[in-house]
Amino acid sequence: MAIELPDDLIELERSAWTAIQAGTLTVETAEKVQAAITAFAAESGELRLAVETELKRQVRHPEAASDAA
C-alpha cells in the first residue's frame, strides 16, 4: 500500500531531483528535503525510510507509481 504523500513534499523532491540531474543540487536543498521527509514521517507515523523510498519512487519512477495505484 502506497503512502499518501502531500503535494508540497512531492514538489520539493521533484525540484531536488531536477537539480540532481542538472548537477546543481545544493546542500541546503538536500537538507530541506530531508527535513520535510522527517517531519512528514513523524506526523504520519510512517517510517522515515518508507516515506523517502515512496517519495523517490513517485518522483523518479512515476510509471511504477501509477502501476501500483
PDB file of N, CA and C in Angstrom:
ATOM      1  N   MET A   1       0.836  -1.186   0.000  1.00  0.00           N
ATOM      2  CA  MET A   1       0.000   0.000   0.000  1.00  0.00           C
ATOM      3  C   MET A   1       0.878   1.245   0.000  1.00  0.00           C
ATOM      4  N   ALA A   2       0.642   2.149  -0.942  1.00  0.00           N
ATOM      5  CA  ALA A   2       1.432   3.363  -1.076  1.00  0.00           C
ATOM      6  C   ALA A   2       1.087   4.356   0.031  1.00  0.00           C
ATOM      7  N   ILE A   3       2.084   5.107   0.411  1.00  0.00           N
ATOM      8  CA  ILE A   3       1.901   6.162   1.404  1.00  0.00           C
ATOM      9  C   ILE A   3       1.343   7.383   0.679  1.00  0.00           C
ATOM     10  N   GLU A   4       0.301   7.985   1.229  1.00  0.00           N
ATOM     11  CA  GLU A   4      -0.271   9.205   0.652  1.00  0.00           C
ATOM     12  C   GLU A   4       0.635  10.379   1.010  1.00  0.00           C
ATOM     13  N   LEU A   5       1.353  10.873   0.031  1.00  0.00           N
ATOM     14  CA  LEU A   5       2.294  11.973   0.258  1.00  0.00           C
ATOM     15  C   LEU A   5       1.652  13.305  -0.110  1.00  0.00           C
ATOM     16  N   PRO A   6       1.938  14.352   0.664  1.00  0.00           N
ATOM     17  CA  PRO A   6       1.379  15.661   0.338  1.00  0.00           C
ATOM     18  C   PRO A   6       2.051  16.258  -0.907  1.00  0.00           C
ATOM     19  N   ASP A   7       1.286  17.050  -1.632  1.00  0.00           N
ATOM     20  CA  ASP A   7       1.787  17.648  -2.873  1.00  0.00           C
ATOM     21  C   ASP A   7       3.041  18.491  -2.658  1.00  0.00           C
ATOM     22  N   ASP A   8       3.104  19.226  -1.537  1.00  0.00           N
ATOM     23  CA  ASP A   8       4.267  20.084  -1.318  1.00  0.00           C
ATOM     24  C   ASP A   8       5.543  19.258  -1.148  1.00  0.00           C
ATOM     25  N   LEU A   9       5.451  18.092  -0.533  1.00  0.00           N
ATOM     26  CA  LEU A   9       6.612  17.223  -0.378  1.00  0.00           C
ATOM     27  C   LEU A   9       7.032  16.652  -1.726  1.00  0.00           C
ATOM     28  N   ILE A  10       6.073  16.276  -2.535  1.00  0.00           N
ATOM     29  CA  ILE A  10       6.373  15.764  -3.877  1.00  0.00           C
ATOM     30  C   ILE A  10       7.039  16.849  -4.719  1.00  0.00           C
ATOM     31  N   GLU A  11       6.527  18.061  -4.650  1.00  0.00           N
ATOM     32  CA  GLU A  11       7.125  19.156  -5.424  1.00  0.00           C
ATOM     33  C   GLU A  11       8.545  19.472  -4.957  1.00  0.00           C
ATOM     34  N   LEU A  12       8.774  19.409  -3.657  1.00  0.00           N
ATOM     35  CA  LEU A  12      10.111  19.651  -3.117  1.00  0.00           C
ATOM     36  C   LEU A  12      11.088  18.598  -3.632  1.00  0.00           C
ATOM     37  N   GLU A  13      10.688  17.336  -3.605  1.00  0.00           N
ATOM     38  CA  GLU A  13      11.547  16.269  -4.120  1.00  0.00           C
ATOM     39  C   GLU A  13      11.722  16.392  -5.632  1.00  0.00           C
ATOM     40  N   ARG A  14      10.670  16.778  -6.334  1.00  0.00           N
ATOM     41  CA  ARG A  14      10.768  16.956  -7.791  1.00  0.00           C
ATOM     42  C   ARG A  14      11.800  18.042  -8.121  1.00  0.00           C
ATOM     43  N   SER A  15      11.790  19.124  -7.359  1.00  0.00           N
ATOM     44  CA  SER A  15      12.756  20.204  -7.550  1.00  0.00           C
ATOM     45  C   SER A  15      14.182  19.713  -7.276  1.00  0.00           C
ATOM     46  N   ALA A  16      14.349  18.941  -6.199  1.00  0.00           N
ATOM     47  CA  ALA A  16      15.670  18.404  -5.876  1.00  0.00           C
ATOM     48  C   ALA A  16      16.137  17.427  -6.956  1.00  0.00           C
ATOM     49  N   TRP A  17      15.237  16.591  -7.452  1.00  0.00           N
ATOM     50  CA  TRP A  17      15.586  15.623  -8.498  1.00  0.00           C
ATOM     51  C   TRP A  17      16.029  16.346  -9.772  1.00  0.00           C
ATOM     52  N   THR A  18      15.338  17.414 -10.114  1.00  0.00           N
ATOM     53  CA  THR A  18      15.730  18.212 -11.274  1.00  0.00           C
ATOM     54  C   THR A  18      17.131  18.788 -11.076  1.00  0.00           C
ATOM     55  N   ALA A  19      17.402  19.273  -9.868  1.00  0.00           N
ATOM     56  CA  ALA A  19      18.730  19.822  -9.558  1.00  0.00           C
ATOM     57  C   ALA A  19      19.802  18.732  -9.602  1.00  0.00           C
ATOM     58  N   ILE A  20      19.479  17.549  -9.112  1.00  0.00           N
ATOM     59  CA  ILE A  20      20.432  16.431  -9.170  1.00  0.00           C
ATOM     60  C   ILE A  20      20.785  16.136 -10.626  1.00  0.00           C
ATOM     61  N   GLN A  21      19.772  16.054 -11.465  1.00  0.00           N
ATOM     62  CA  GLN A  21      20.005  15.744 -12.880  1.00  0.00           C
ATOM     63  C   GLN A  21      20.815  16.830 -13.575  1.00  0.00           C
ATOM     64  N   ALA A  22      20.642  18.072 -13.143  1.00  0.00           N
ATOM     65  CA  ALA A  22      21.372  19.188 -13.745  1.00  0.00           C
ATOM     66  C   ALA A  22      22.743  19.390 -13.103  1.00  0.00           C
ATOM     67  N   GLY A  23      23.012  18.663 -12.018  1.00  0.00           N
ATOM     68  CA  GLY A  23      24.291  18.821 -11.319  1.00  0.00           C
ATOM     69  C   GLY A  23      24.348  20.079 -10.475  1.00  0.00           C
ATOM     70  N   THR A  24      23.185  20.572 -10.050  1.00  0.00           N
ATOM     71  CA  THR A  24      23.146  21.833  -9.313  1.00  0.00           C
ATOM     72  C   THR A  24      22.542  21.708  -7.912  1.00  0.00           C
ATOM     73  N   LEU A  25      22.384  20.488  -7.423  1.00  0.00           N
ATOM     74  CA  LEU A  25      21.809  20.301  -6.092  1.00  0.00           C
ATOM     75  C   LEU A  25      22.729  20.906  -5.042  1.00  0.00           C
ATOM     76  N   THR A  26      22.138  21.685  -4.147  1.00  0.00           N
ATOM     77  CA  THR A  26      22.906  22.278  -3.054  1.00  0.00           C
ATOM     78  C   THR A  26      22.648  21.506  -1.766  1.00  0.00           C
ATOM     79  N   VAL A  27      23.550  21.670  -0.834  1.00  0.00           N
ATOM     80  CA  VAL A  27      23.383  21.052   0.477  1.00  0.00           C
ATOM     81  C   VAL A  27      22.108  21.579   1.125  1.00  0.00           C
ATOM     82  N   GLU A  28      21.839  22.854   0.961  1.00  0.00           N
ATOM     83  CA  GLU A  28      20.659  23.463   1.562  1.00  0.00           C
ATOM     84  C   GLU A  28      19.370  22.823   1.029  1.00  0.00           C
ATOM     85  N   THR A  29      19.319  22.592  -0.264  1.00  0.00           N
ATOM     86  CA  THR A  29      18.138  21.954  -0.855  1.00  0.00           C
ATOM     87  C   THR A  29      17.999  20.522  -0.357  1.00  0.00           C
ATOM     88  N   ALA A  30      19.085  19.791  -0.331  1.00  0.00           N
ATOM     89  CA  ALA A  30      19.050  18.405   0.154  1.00  0.00           C
ATOM     90  C   ALA A  30      18.607  18.355   1.610  1.00  0.00           C
ATOM     91  N   GLU A  31      19.100  19.272   2.425  1.00  0.00           N
ATOM     92  CA  GLU A  31      18.706  19.321   3.832  1.00  0.00           C
ATOM     93  C   GLU A  31      17.227  19.661   3.986  1.00  0.00           C
ATOM     94  N   LYS A  32      16.744  20.550   3.134  1.00  0.00           N
ATOM     95  CA  LYS A  32      15.329  20.928   3.190  1.00  0.00           C
ATOM     96  C   LYS A  32      14.434  19.725   2.873  1.00  0.00           C
ATOM     97  N   VAL A  33      14.812  18.951   1.871  1.00  0.00           N
ATOM     98  CA  VAL A  33      14.040  17.760   1.514  1.00  0.00           C
ATOM     99  C   VAL A  33      14.070  16.756   2.665  1.00  0.00           C
ATOM    100  N   GLN A  34      15.245  16.508   3.215  1.00  0.00           N
ATOM    101  CA  GLN A  34      15.355  15.545   4.312  1.00  0.00           C
ATOM    102  C   GLN A  34      14.558  15.988   5.536  1.00  0.00           C
ATOM    103  N   ALA A  35      14.576  17.285   5.838  1.00  0.00           N
ATOM    104  CA  ALA A  35      13.803  17.804   6.973  1.00  0.00           C
ATOM    105  C   ALA A  35      12.303  17.615   6.729  1.00  0.00           C
ATOM    106  N   ALA A  36      11.864  17.853   5.508  1.00  0.00           N
ATOM    107  CA  ALA A  36      10.445  17.696   5.177  1.00  0.00           C
ATOM    108  C   ALA A  36      10.031  16.226   5.254  1.00  0.00           C
ATOM    109  N   ILE A  37      10.887  15.342   4.802  1.00  0.00           N
ATOM    110  CA  ILE A  37      10.607  13.905   4.886  1.00  0.00           C
ATOM    111  C   ILE A  37      10.488  13.488   6.348  1.00  0.00           C
ATOM    112  N   THR A  38      11.436  13.923   7.155  1.00  0.00           N
ATOM    113  CA  THR A  38      11.435  13.577   8.579  1.00  0.00           C
ATOM    114  C   THR A  38      10.187  14.107   9.273  1.00  0.00           C
ATOM    115  N   ALA A  39       9.817  15.354   8.972  1.00  0.00           N
ATOM    116  CA  ALA A  39       8.629  15.953   9.590  1.00  0.00           C
ATOM    117  C   ALA A  39       7.367  15.200   9.181  1.00  0.00           C
ATOM    118  N   PHE A  40       7.242  14.880   7.904  1.00  0.00           N
ATOM    119  CA  PHE A  40       6.056  14.157   7.447  1.00  0.00           C
ATOM    120  C   PHE A  40       5.992  12.776   8.085  1.00  0.00           C
ATOM    121  N   ALA A  41       7.123  12.102   8.161  1.00  0.00           N
ATOM    122  CA  ALA A  41       7.151  10.767   8.772  1.00  0.00           C
ATOM    123  C   ALA A  41       6.696  10.838  10.226  1.00  0.00           C
ATOM    124  N   ALA A  42       7.158  11.834  10.945  1.00  0.00           N
ATOM    125  CA  ALA A  42       6.768  11.983  12.351  1.00  0.00           C
ATOM    126  C   ALA A  42       5.274  12.260  12.479  1.00  0.00           C
ATOM    127  N   GLU A  43       4.742  13.121  11.613  1.00  0.00           N
ATOM    128  CA  GLU A  43       3.319  13.471  11.647  1.00  0.00           C
ATOM    129  C   GLU A  43       2.428  12.292  11.270  1.00  0.00           C
ATOM    130  N   SER A  44       2.869  11.514  10.301  1.00  0.00           N
ATOM    131  CA  SER A  44       2.027  10.438   9.763  1.00  0.00           C
ATOM    132  C   SER A  44       2.198   9.116  10.498  1.00  0.00           C
ATOM    133  N   GLY A  45       3.282   8.997  11.270  1.00  0.00           N
ATOM    134  CA  GLY A  45       3.544   7.738  11.951  1.00  0.00           C
ATOM    135  C   GLY A  45       4.208   6.694  11.064  1.00  0.00           C
ATOM    136  N   GLU A  46       4.564   7.092   9.850  1.00  0.00           N
ATOM    137  CA  GLU A  46       5.257   6.186   8.927  1.00  0.00           C
ATOM    138  C   GLU A  46       6.756   6.204   9.232  1.00  0.00           C
ATOM    139  N   LEU A  47       7.450   5.147   8.851  1.00  0.00           N
ATOM    140  CA  LEU A  47       8.897   5.134   8.979  1.00  0.00           C
ATOM    141  C   LEU A  47       9.499   6.146   8.009  1.00  0.00           C
ATOM    142  N   ARG A  48      10.519   6.879   8.462  1.00  0.00           N
ATOM    143  CA  ARG A  48      11.146   7.881   7.610  1.00  0.00           C
ATOM    144  C   ARG A  48      11.675   7.256   6.326  1.00  0.00           C
ATOM    145  N   LEU A  49      12.292   6.095   6.427  1.00  0.00           N
ATOM    146  CA  LEU A  49      12.831   5.429   5.242  1.00  0.00           C
ATOM    147  C   LEU A  49      11.718   5.047   4.267  1.00  0.00           C
ATOM    148  N   ALA A  50      10.589   4.607   4.793  1.00  0.00           N
ATOM    149  CA  ALA A  50       9.459   4.257   3.930  1.00  0.00           C
ATOM    150  C   ALA A  50       8.933   5.485   3.194  1.00  0.00           C
ATOM    151  N   VAL A  51       8.877   6.616   3.895  1.00  0.00           N
ATOM    152  CA  VAL A  51       8.427   7.867   3.272  1.00  0.00           C
ATOM    153  C   VAL A  51       9.400   8.269   2.172  1.00  0.00           C
ATOM    154  N   GLU A  52      10.689   8.248   2.471  1.00  0.00           N
ATOM    155  CA  GLU A  52      11.687   8.640   1.484  1.00  0.00           C
ATOM    156  C   GLU A  52      11.668   7.708   0.268  1.00  0.00           C
ATOM    157  N   THR A  53      11.540   6.433   0.504  1.00  0.00           N
ATOM    158  CA  THR A  53      11.507   5.469  -0.596  1.00  0.00           C
ATOM    159  C   THR A  53      10.296   5.700  -1.490  1.00  0.00           C
ATOM    160  N   GLU A  54       9.128   5.876  -0.886  1.00  0.00           N
ATOM    161  CA  GLU A  54       7.916   6.115  -1.665  1.00  0.00           C
ATOM    162  C   GLU A  54       7.997   7.438  -2.420  1.00  0.00           C
ATOM    163  N   LEU A  55       8.528   8.449  -1.780  1.00  0.00           N
ATOM    164  CA  LEU A  55       8.673   9.756  -2.424  1.00  0.00           C
ATOM    165  C   LEU A  55       9.570   9.661  -3.650  1.00  0.00           C
ATOM    166  N   LYS A  56      10.701   9.026  -3.501  1.00  0.00           N
ATOM    167  CA  LYS A  56      11.624   8.888  -4.637  1.00  0.00           C
ATOM    168  C   LYS A  56      11.000   8.030  -5.736  1.00  0.00           C
ATOM    169  N   ARG A  57      10.266   6.999  -5.358  1.00  0.00           N
ATOM    170  CA  ARG A  57       9.607   6.152  -6.365  1.00  0.00           C
ATOM    171  C   ARG A  57       8.609   6.974  -7.176  1.00  0.00           C
ATOM    172  N   GLN A  58       7.802   7.771  -6.480  1.00  0.00           N
ATOM    173  CA  GLN A  58       6.792   8.568  -7.176  1.00  0.00           C
ATOM    174  C   GLN A  58       7.410   9.636  -8.071  1.00  0.00           C
ATOM    175  N   VAL A  59       8.496  10.247  -7.622  1.00  0.00           N
ATOM    176  CA  VAL A  59       9.107  11.336  -8.398  1.00  0.00           C
ATOM    177  C   VAL A  59      10.019  10.797  -9.499  1.00  0.00           C
ATOM    178  N   ARG A  60      10.831   9.836  -9.178  1.00  0.00           N
ATOM    179  CA  ARG A  60      11.829   9.354 -10.129  1.00  0.00           C
ATOM    180  C   ARG A  60      11.323   8.262 -11.054  1.00  0.00           C
ATOM    181  N   HIS A  61      10.285   7.567 -10.651  1.00  0.00           N
ATOM    182  CA  HIS A  61       9.739   6.464 -11.447  1.00  0.00           C
ATOM    183  C   HIS A  61       8.219   6.547 -11.460  1.00  0.00           C
ATOM    184  N   PRO A  62       7.672   7.637 -11.994  1.00  0.00           N
ATOM    185  CA  PRO A  62       6.212   7.815 -11.945  1.00  0.00           C
ATOM    186  C   PRO A  62       5.434   6.713 -12.639  1.00  0.00           C
ATOM    187  N   GLU A  63       6.025   6.062 -13.624  1.00  0.00           N
ATOM    188  CA  GLU A  63       5.316   4.971 -14.300  1.00  0.00           C
ATOM    189  C   GLU A  63       5.086   3.806 -13.341  1.00  0.00           C
ATOM    190  N   ALA A  64       6.024   3.539 -12.440  1.00  0.00           N
ATOM    191  CA  ALA A  64       5.877   2.481 -11.439  1.00  0.00           C
ATOM    192  C   ALA A  64       4.839   2.891 -10.395  1.00  0.00           C
ATOM    193  N   ALA A  65       4.801   4.167 -10.056  1.00  0.00           N
ATOM    194  CA  ALA A  65       3.837   4.649  -9.074  1.00  0.00           C
ATOM    195  C   ALA A  65       2.420   4.528  -9.615  1.00  0.00           C
ATOM    196  N   SER A  66       2.230   4.815 -10.897  1.00  0.00           N
ATOM    197  CA  SER A  66       0.883   4.706 -11.464  1.00  0.00           C
ATOM    198  C   SER A  66       0.467   3.244 -11.637  1.00  0.00           C
ATOM    199  N   ASP A  67       1.433   2.356 -11.869  1.00  0.00           N
ATOM    200  CA  ASP A  67       1.127   0.924 -11.963  1.00  0.00           C
ATOM    201  C   ASP A  67       0.652   0.362 -10.628  1.00  0.00           C
ATOM    202  N   ALA A  68       1.190   0.894  -9.521  1.00  0.00           N
ATOM    203  CA  ALA A  68       0.846   0.403  -8.186  1.00  0.00           C
ATOM    204  C   ALA A  68      -0.500   0.915  -7.715  1.00  0.00           C
ATOM    205  N   ALA A  69      -0.985   1.969  -8.325  1.00  0.00           N
ATOM    206  CA  ALA A  69      -2.242   2.585  -7.874  1.00  0.00           C
ATOM    207  C   ALA A  69      -3.458   1.790  -8.247  1.00  0.00           C
TER     208      ALA A  69
END
